[in-house]
Amino acid sequence: MRKVLVLEDESSIRSFIVINLERAGYEVIEAETGEEALEKLAANPDTRAALLDIMLPGIDGIEVCRRIRLSDPHIGIIMLSARSQEMDKVTGLMTGADDYITKPFSPAELTARVDALLRRMGDAPATGAQEPGGELSQPPFRLNLTNRTLEKNGQRVRLTQVEYAIVKLFMENRGKALSREEILDTVWGHGYFGEPKIVDVNVRRLRIKLEDDAQEPKHILTVWGFGYKWNVE
């Protein structure tokens, strides 16, 4: 059974999330504080995803996200935010979150977002098609499709699974202008509940990791008013 951590200090909201995830077939670990969440993640290294409330006493959700990403680029992270916390959403994504859900949300949206996140991470059903092995080599980059890892000039670049999916899409469409909507549909899935700007935030994060100068990108180019294009020599 796939294991999910839920960090939420309001007991009624936490119970709502837990009940619906358990109904969807997930094993849920509950945490009320950031400190407790980090302790429980350390004790449960097989946890596949974490839902982190942003506003918490003590260590907030963004700091929990940052600490998780220091040690684990692979776990899926969804931030839980109120409508008024726009900057916190962007900060959470830049810190390493894969997605965010705005409160209030429905049970259908909750489970759909968690399901989609785990699909992006490669947790396909047993009957589903497996991603082919091999690699994509476009110097100075080499993407290993079996291990889902990226190297630049022979050095490993730590990517989240969403970042991996975006890089894979770029490398498979070298030189082609990809619209934000196309990137969103391919990486986050058709029917994604969130906003297209999540693409822009993830591209900003990728430029920091992949470009020699994120302010003057040479590989992930902006196609103004449309989207982005992958460029290598």
Protein backbone atom coordinates (compact mmCIF):
# COMPACT_ATOMS: atom_id res chain seq x y z
CA MET A 1 0.00 0.00 0.00
CA ARG A 2 1.33 3.45 -0.91
CA LYS A 3 2.19 5.56 2.12
CA VAL A 4 1.38 9.28 2.40
CA LEU A 5 2.25 11.76 5.16
CA VAL A 6 -0.32 14.42 6.07
CA LEU A 7 0.96 17.45 8.01
CA GLU A 8 -1.95 19.63 9.15
CA ASP A 9 -2.41 21.26 12.57
CA GLU A 10 -6.20 21.65 12.33
CA SER A 11 -7.62 18.31 13.44
CA SER A 12 -10.88 18.62 11.48
CA ILE A 13 -9.07 19.30 8.19
CA ARG A 14 -6.50 16.58 8.90
CA SER A 15 -9.26 14.05 9.60
CA PHE A 16 -11.03 15.01 6.37
CA ILE A 17 -7.81 14.44 4.38
CA VAL A 18 -6.94 11.19 6.14
CA ILE A 19 -10.39 9.66 5.72
CA ASN A 20 -10.51 10.41 2.00
CA LEU A 21 -6.98 9.20 1.29
CA GLU A 22 -7.64 5.97 3.20
CA ARG A 23 -10.83 5.47 1.20
CA ALA A 24 -8.70 5.85 -1.95
CA GLY A 25 -6.41 3.06 -0.78
CA TYR A 26 -3.53 4.97 0.78
CA GLU A 27 -1.81 4.28 4.08
CA VAL A 28 -1.70 7.61 5.90
CA ILE A 29 0.75 8.91 8.50
CA GLU A 30 -0.53 11.89 10.47
CA ALA A 31 1.49 14.79 11.89
CA GLU A 32 0.33 17.92 13.71
CA THR A 33 3.62 19.85 13.75
CA GLY A 34 6.58 20.24 11.41
CA GLU A 35 8.88 18.63 13.95
CA GLU A 36 6.60 15.60 14.23
CA ALA A 37 6.37 15.32 10.44
CA LEU A 38 10.16 15.19 10.05
CA GLU A 39 10.44 12.56 12.80
CA LYS A 40 7.76 10.39 11.21
CA LEU A 41 9.31 10.68 7.76
CA ALA A 42 12.65 9.57 9.17
CA ALA A 43 10.92 6.57 10.73
CA ASN A 44 9.04 5.77 7.49
CA PRO A 45 11.55 6.09 4.62
CA ASP A 46 9.15 4.30 2.24
CA THR A 47 6.72 7.24 2.31
CA ARG A 48 5.90 8.14 -1.28
CA ALA A 49 4.25 11.56 -0.84
CA ALA A 50 3.76 14.32 1.73
CA LEU A 51 0.95 16.86 2.03
CA LEU A 52 2.25 19.86 3.97
CA ASP A 53 0.16 22.68 5.37
CA ILE A 54 2.00 25.98 4.97
CA MET A 55 0.81 27.85 8.07
CA LEU A 56 1.93 25.99 11.19
CA PRO A 57 3.20 26.85 14.65
CA GLY A 58 6.93 26.25 15.03
CA ILE A 59 8.48 24.90 11.83
CA ASP A 60 6.13 25.82 8.98
CA GLY A 61 5.36 23.72 5.93
CA ILE A 62 7.82 25.55 3.68
CA GLU A 63 10.70 24.86 6.07
CA VAL A 64 9.62 21.21 6.32
CA CYS A 65 9.63 21.05 2.51
CA ARG A 66 13.13 22.56 2.37
CA ARG A 67 14.48 20.07 4.91
CA ILE A 68 12.90 17.12 3.11
CA ARG A 69 14.44 18.17 -0.19
CA LEU A 70 17.91 18.38 1.35
CA SER A 71 17.84 14.60 1.80
CA ASP A 72 15.17 13.25 -0.57
CA PRO A 73 14.57 14.58 -4.10
CA HIS A 74 12.22 11.72 -4.94
CA ILE A 75 9.32 11.99 -2.49
CA GLY A 76 6.31 13.83 -3.91
CA ILE A 77 5.33 17.00 -2.04
CA ILE A 78 2.03 18.88 -2.21
CA MET A 79 1.59 22.14 -0.27
CA LEU A 80 -1.76 22.95 1.33
CA SER A 81 -2.50 26.69 1.26
CA ALA A 82 -5.26 29.23 1.85
CA ARG A 83 -6.36 31.44 -1.03
CA SER A 84 -4.64 34.47 0.49
CA GLN A 85 -1.20 32.81 0.60
CA GLU A 86 -0.17 33.48 -3.02
CA MET A 87 3.49 34.24 -2.30
CA ASP A 88 3.70 31.24 0.01
CA LYS A 89 2.58 29.01 -2.87
CA VAL A 90 5.39 30.28 -5.08
CA THR A 91 7.90 30.02 -2.23
CA GLY A 92 6.81 26.45 -1.56
CA LEU A 93 7.24 25.50 -5.21
CA MET A 94 10.65 27.17 -5.41
CA THR A 95 11.66 25.32 -2.25
CA GLY A 96 10.95 22.00 -3.94
CA ALA A 97 7.22 21.25 -3.75
CA ASP A 98 5.68 19.53 -6.76
CA ASP A 99 2.19 20.94 -6.48
CA TYR A 100 -0.19 22.83 -4.21
CA ILE A 101 -3.86 22.56 -3.31
CA THR A 102 -5.85 25.62 -2.29
CA LYS A 103 -8.28 25.26 0.62
CA PRO A 104 -11.10 24.45 0.61
CA PHE A 105 -10.86 21.46 -1.71
CA SER A 106 -13.13 18.52 -2.50
CA PRO A 107 -12.37 14.85 -1.85
CA ALA A 108 -12.26 14.27 -5.61
CA GLU A 109 -9.66 17.00 -6.13
CA LEU A 110 -7.57 15.76 -3.21
CA THR A 111 -7.34 12.15 -4.38
CA ALA A 112 -6.93 13.16 -8.03
CA ARG A 113 -3.95 15.38 -7.19
CA VAL A 114 -2.25 12.71 -5.07
CA ASP A 115 -2.92 10.02 -7.69
CA ALA A 116 -1.51 12.24 -10.44
CA LEU A 117 1.57 13.08 -8.38
CA LEU A 118 2.40 9.43 -7.82
CA ARG A 119 1.84 8.64 -11.50
CA ARG A 120 4.37 11.34 -12.40
CA MET A 121 6.80 9.70 -9.98
CA GLY A 122 6.48 6.39 -11.82
CA ASP A 123 4.05 4.69 -9.43
CA ALA A 124 1.96 3.30 -12.27
CA PRO A 125 -0.52 0.48 -11.63
CA ALA A 126 0.89 -3.01 -12.12
CA THR A 127 -1.12 -3.43 -15.32
CA GLY A 128 0.16 -0.19 -16.81
CA ALA A 129 2.90 0.18 -19.39
CA GLN A 130 6.42 0.56 -18.04
CA GLU A 131 8.63 3.39 -19.15
CA PRO A 132 11.31 2.10 -21.56
CA GLY A 133 14.92 2.05 -20.41
CA GLY A 134 17.94 3.59 -22.08
CA GLU A 135 19.06 7.19 -22.08
CA LEU A 136 18.81 10.49 -23.88
CA SER A 137 22.22 12.02 -24.53
CA GLN A 138 22.40 15.67 -25.57
CA PRO A 139 25.77 17.03 -24.39
CA PRO A 140 26.37 18.36 -21.84
CA PHE A 141 23.26 16.53 -20.57
CA ARG A 142 22.55 12.82 -20.22
CA LEU A 143 19.17 11.60 -18.99
CA ASN A 144 18.98 8.02 -17.71
CA LEU A 145 15.46 6.74 -18.35
CA THR A 146 15.91 3.65 -16.22
CA ASN A 147 17.15 5.37 -13.07
CA ARG A 148 15.29 8.63 -13.83
CA THR A 149 18.43 10.67 -13.26
CA LEU A 150 20.16 13.54 -15.05
CA GLU A 151 23.83 14.37 -15.44
CA LYS A 152 25.44 17.58 -16.69
CA ASN A 153 29.08 17.26 -17.73
CA GLY A 154 29.17 13.94 -15.90
CA GLN A 155 27.90 15.41 -12.62
CA ARG A 156 24.57 14.29 -11.16
CA VAL A 157 21.89 16.99 -10.95
CA ARG A 158 19.41 16.43 -8.14
CA LEU A 159 15.91 16.62 -9.62
CA THR A 160 12.48 16.14 -8.17
CA GLN A 161 10.33 13.71 -10.13
CA VAL A 162 8.33 16.58 -11.64
CA GLU A 163 11.55 18.27 -12.74
CA TYR A 164 12.68 14.97 -14.27
CA ALA A 165 9.42 14.74 -16.22
CA ILE A 166 9.84 18.28 -17.57
CA VAL A 167 13.46 17.68 -18.62
CA LYS A 168 12.45 14.43 -20.30
CA LEU A 169 9.72 16.25 -22.24
CA PHE A 170 12.19 18.97 -23.27
CA MET A 171 14.86 16.50 -24.41
CA GLU A 172 12.36 14.44 -26.37
CA ASN A 173 11.29 17.64 -28.17
CA ARG A 174 14.67 19.30 -28.68
CA GLY A 175 14.35 22.62 -30.52
CA LYS A 176 10.55 22.53 -30.53
CA ALA A 177 8.55 25.35 -28.91
CA LEU A 178 6.30 23.79 -26.27
CA SER A 179 3.31 25.74 -24.98
CA ARG A 180 2.66 26.01 -21.26
CA GLU A 181 -0.57 24.08 -21.79
CA GLU A 182 1.28 21.26 -23.56
CA ILE A 183 3.82 21.02 -20.74
CA LEU A 184 1.02 21.13 -18.16
CA ASP A 185 -0.99 18.39 -19.89
CA THR A 186 2.02 16.11 -20.36
CA VAL A 187 3.63 16.49 -16.95
CA TRP A 188 0.70 17.24 -14.63
CA GLY A 189 -1.91 15.40 -16.68
CA HIS A 190 -5.13 16.30 -18.51
CA GLY A 191 -7.73 17.78 -16.24
CA TYR A 192 -5.17 19.25 -13.83
CA PHE A 193 -7.00 21.32 -11.21
CA GLY A 194 -4.27 23.90 -10.64
CA GLU A 195 -2.97 26.92 -12.53
CA PRO A 196 -0.62 27.04 -15.57
CA LYS A 197 1.81 29.29 -13.70
CA ILE A 198 3.08 26.19 -11.92
CA VAL A 199 4.97 25.51 -15.17
CA ASP A 200 6.78 28.84 -14.94
CA VAL A 201 7.82 28.28 -11.34
CA ASN A 202 9.23 24.85 -12.13
CA VAL A 203 11.11 26.25 -15.12
CA ARG A 204 12.65 28.90 -12.86
CA ARG A 205 13.73 26.14 -10.49
CA LEU A 206 15.19 24.08 -13.33
CA ARG A 207 17.14 27.03 -14.70
CA ILE A 208 18.81 27.47 -11.32
CA LYS A 209 19.88 23.81 -11.43
CA LEU A 210 20.78 23.44 -15.11
CA GLU A 211 21.99 26.78 -16.42
CA ASP A 212 25.44 28.27 -15.88
CA ASP A 213 23.62 31.58 -15.39
CA ALA A 214 19.92 31.30 -14.58
CA GLN A 215 19.42 34.96 -15.54
CA GLU A 216 20.85 34.34 -19.02
CA PRO A 217 19.58 30.85 -19.90
CA LYS A 218 21.07 29.05 -22.88
CA HIS A 219 19.24 25.73 -22.63
CA ILE A 220 15.69 26.48 -21.44
CA LEU A 221 14.63 29.36 -23.65
CA THR A 222 11.48 31.42 -23.25
CA VAL A 223 9.18 31.64 -26.26
CA TRP A 224 7.43 34.87 -25.35
CA GLY A 225 3.67 34.63 -25.09
CA PHE A 226 3.74 30.89 -25.72
CA GLY A 227 6.01 28.70 -23.61
CA TYR A 228 9.54 27.29 -23.66
CA LYS A 229 12.07 25.61 -25.95
CA TRP A 230 14.95 23.25 -25.14
CA ASN A 231 18.21 24.25 -26.77
CA VAL A 232 21.53 22.37 -26.80
CA GLU A 233 24.47 22.64 -29.21
